[in-house]
């Protein structure tokens, strides 16, 4: 969890670079293909229609890849930030109503260091006397 913002920015940066290079490579292919078709004596209208179709494929492919990446990133953020925070909020609300002094259990991270949520759970646990 440490430096989560940096990890997310790094992932977005890498994904952005890959998408940009992929789109650039495909666009270069489109231009080269149109050039070869023109040199071979094809009709300009045919070359234009072919190029337009390939550009549509490029744009739709990029949108699809971007949507998949956003969904995967959302799932990661939900599991690492939102769900643990919701458990802590519910626990804090229960403690404020004096209905329960038991803290919601948050699984410890498998890494060597404690996450911010582990630290927060420990502090709330100390406050309740656990």
Protein backbone atom coordinates (compact mmCIF):
# COMPACT_ATOMS: atom_id res chain seq x y z
CA UNK A 1 0.00 0.00 0.00
CA UNK A 2 2.96 2.29 0.49
CA UNK A 3 3.32 4.69 -2.41
CA UNK A 4 0.09 3.43 -3.96
CA UNK A 5 -0.40 6.70 -5.78
CA UNK A 6 3.04 6.36 -7.36
CA UNK A 7 2.27 2.79 -8.42
CA UNK A 8 -1.02 3.84 -10.01
CA UNK A 9 0.64 6.73 -11.85
CA UNK A 10 3.42 4.42 -13.00
CA UNK A 11 0.91 1.87 -14.30
CA UNK A 12 -1.06 4.58 -16.14
CA UNK A 13 2.17 5.96 -17.58
CA UNK A 14 3.31 2.58 -18.90
CA UNK A 15 -0.13 1.82 -20.29
CA UNK A 16 -0.28 5.24 -21.95
CA UNK A 17 3.13 4.76 -23.55
CA UNK A 18 2.16 1.30 -24.84
CA UNK A 19 -1.11 2.62 -26.27
CA UNK A 20 0.60 5.60 -27.91
CA UNK A 21 3.34 3.47 -29.46
CA UNK A 22 0.81 0.86 -30.58
CA UNK A 23 -1.41 3.46 -32.19
CA UNK A 24 1.60 5.15 -33.78
CA UNK A 25 2.85 1.85 -35.19
CA UNK A 26 -0.55 0.97 -36.58
CA UNK A 27 -1.00 4.45 -38.04
CA UNK A 28 2.42 4.14 -39.69
CA UNK A 29 1.24 0.83 -41.17
CA UNK A 30 -1.92 2.53 -42.49
CA UNK A 31 0.07 5.30 -44.18
CA UNK A 32 2.60 2.85 -45.62
CA UNK A 33 -0.18 0.60 -46.90
CA UNK A 34 -1.93 3.55 -48.57
CA UNK A 35 1.36 4.61 -50.14
CA UNK A 36 1.93 1.13 -51.55
CA UNK A 37 -1.62 0.99 -52.91
CA UNK A 38 -1.15 4.35 -54.65
CA UNK A 39 2.19 3.27 -56.13
CA UNK A 40 0.54 0.08 -57.40
CA UNK A 41 -1.97 2.19 -59.32
CA UNK A 42 -5.04 1.78 -57.13
CA UNK A 43 -7.90 4.22 -57.28
CA UNK A 44 -7.57 7.10 -54.79
CA UNK A 45 -11.12 6.51 -53.56
CA UNK A 46 -10.33 2.86 -52.80
CA UNK A 47 -7.18 3.86 -50.92
CA UNK A 48 -9.16 6.46 -48.97
CA UNK A 49 -11.89 3.98 -48.01
CA UNK A 50 -9.31 1.38 -46.96
CA UNK A 51 -7.43 3.92 -44.88
CA UNK A 52 -10.62 5.16 -43.26
CA UNK A 53 -11.64 1.61 -42.30
CA UNK A 54 -8.22 0.91 -40.80
CA UNK A 55 -8.35 4.13 -38.78
CA UNK A 56 -11.77 3.18 -37.43
CA UNK A 57 -10.36 -0.20 -36.37
CA UNK A 58 -7.45 1.57 -34.68
CA UNK A 59 -9.68 3.93 -32.75
CA UNK A 60 -12.16 1.24 -31.67
CA UNK A 61 -9.31 -1.05 -30.63
CA UNK A 62 -7.73 1.70 -28.54
CA UNK A 63 -11.06 2.47 -26.88
CA UNK A 64 -11.61 -1.21 -26.10
CA UNK A 65 -8.13 -1.64 -24.62
CA UNK A 66 -8.52 1.54 -22.57
CA UNK A 67 -11.89 0.40 -21.21
CA UNK A 68 -10.46 -2.98 -20.19
CA UNK A 69 -7.56 -1.29 -18.44
CA UNK A 70 -9.89 1.08 -16.60
CA UNK A 71 -12.03 -1.84 -15.41
CA UNK A 72 -9.00 -3.78 -14.17
CA UNK A 73 -7.61 -0.72 -12.43
CA UNK A 74 -10.97 -0.02 -10.81
CA UNK A 75 -11.11 -3.58 -9.44
CA UNK A 76 -7.58 -3.21 -8.06
CA UNK A 77 -8.35 0.13 -6.41
CA UNK A 78 -11.62 -1.19 -4.99
CA UNK A 79 -9.92 -4.21 -3.43
CA UNK A 80 -6.94 -2.31 -2.04
CA UNK A 81 -8.48 0.98 -0.92
CA UNK A 82 -12.26 1.17 -0.96
CA UNK A 83 -13.20 -2.17 0.61
CA UNK A 84 -10.77 -1.90 3.58
CA UNK A 85 -11.81 1.72 4.14
CA UNK A 86 -15.51 0.75 4.14
CA UNK A 87 -14.82 -1.92 6.77
CA UNK A 88 -13.03 0.64 8.95
CA UNK A 89 -15.84 3.17 8.54
CA UNK A 90 -18.48 0.58 9.55
CA UNK A 91 -16.39 -0.39 12.55
CA UNK A 92 -15.91 3.23 13.59
CA UNK A 93 -19.66 3.90 13.24
CA UNK A 94 -20.45 0.88 15.39
CA UNK A 95 -17.97 2.05 18.04
CA UNK A 96 -19.41 5.59 18.01
CA UNK A 97 -22.89 4.16 18.70
CA UNK A 98 -21.45 2.07 21.56
CA UNK A 99 -23.07 -0.95 19.97
CA UNK A 100 -19.77 -2.71 19.53
CA UNK A 101 -16.21 -2.27 20.63
CA UNK A 102 -14.99 -4.91 18.25
CA UNK A 103 -12.93 -3.74 15.35
CA UNK A 104 -13.60 -5.11 11.89
CA UNK A 105 -10.80 -7.44 10.97
CA UNK A 106 -8.72 -6.29 8.06
CA UNK A 107 -6.43 -8.90 6.57
CA UNK A 108 -2.78 -8.01 6.90
CA UNK A 109 -0.87 -7.47 3.72
CA UNK A 110 1.39 -10.27 2.61
CA UNK A 111 4.28 -7.86 2.16
CA UNK A 112 6.86 -7.21 4.85
CA UNK A 113 5.58 -3.73 5.70
CA UNK A 114 2.22 -2.77 7.15
CA UNK A 115 -0.18 -0.81 5.00
CA UNK A 116 -1.85 2.41 6.07
CA UNK A 117 -5.05 0.46 6.69
CA UNK A 118 -3.20 -1.98 8.98
CA UNK A 119 -1.81 0.97 10.94
CA UNK A 120 -5.23 2.59 11.18
CA UNK A 121 -6.81 -0.67 12.34
CA UNK A 122 -4.10 -1.03 15.01
CA UNK A 123 -4.70 2.54 16.26
CA UNK A 124 -8.45 1.98 16.46
CA UNK A 125 -7.78 -1.34 18.19
CA UNK A 126 -5.64 0.44 20.81
CA UNK A 127 -8.38 3.01 21.33
CA UNK A 128 -10.93 0.31 22.03
CA UNK A 129 -8.57 -1.61 24.31
CA UNK A 130 -8.09 -4.67 22.11
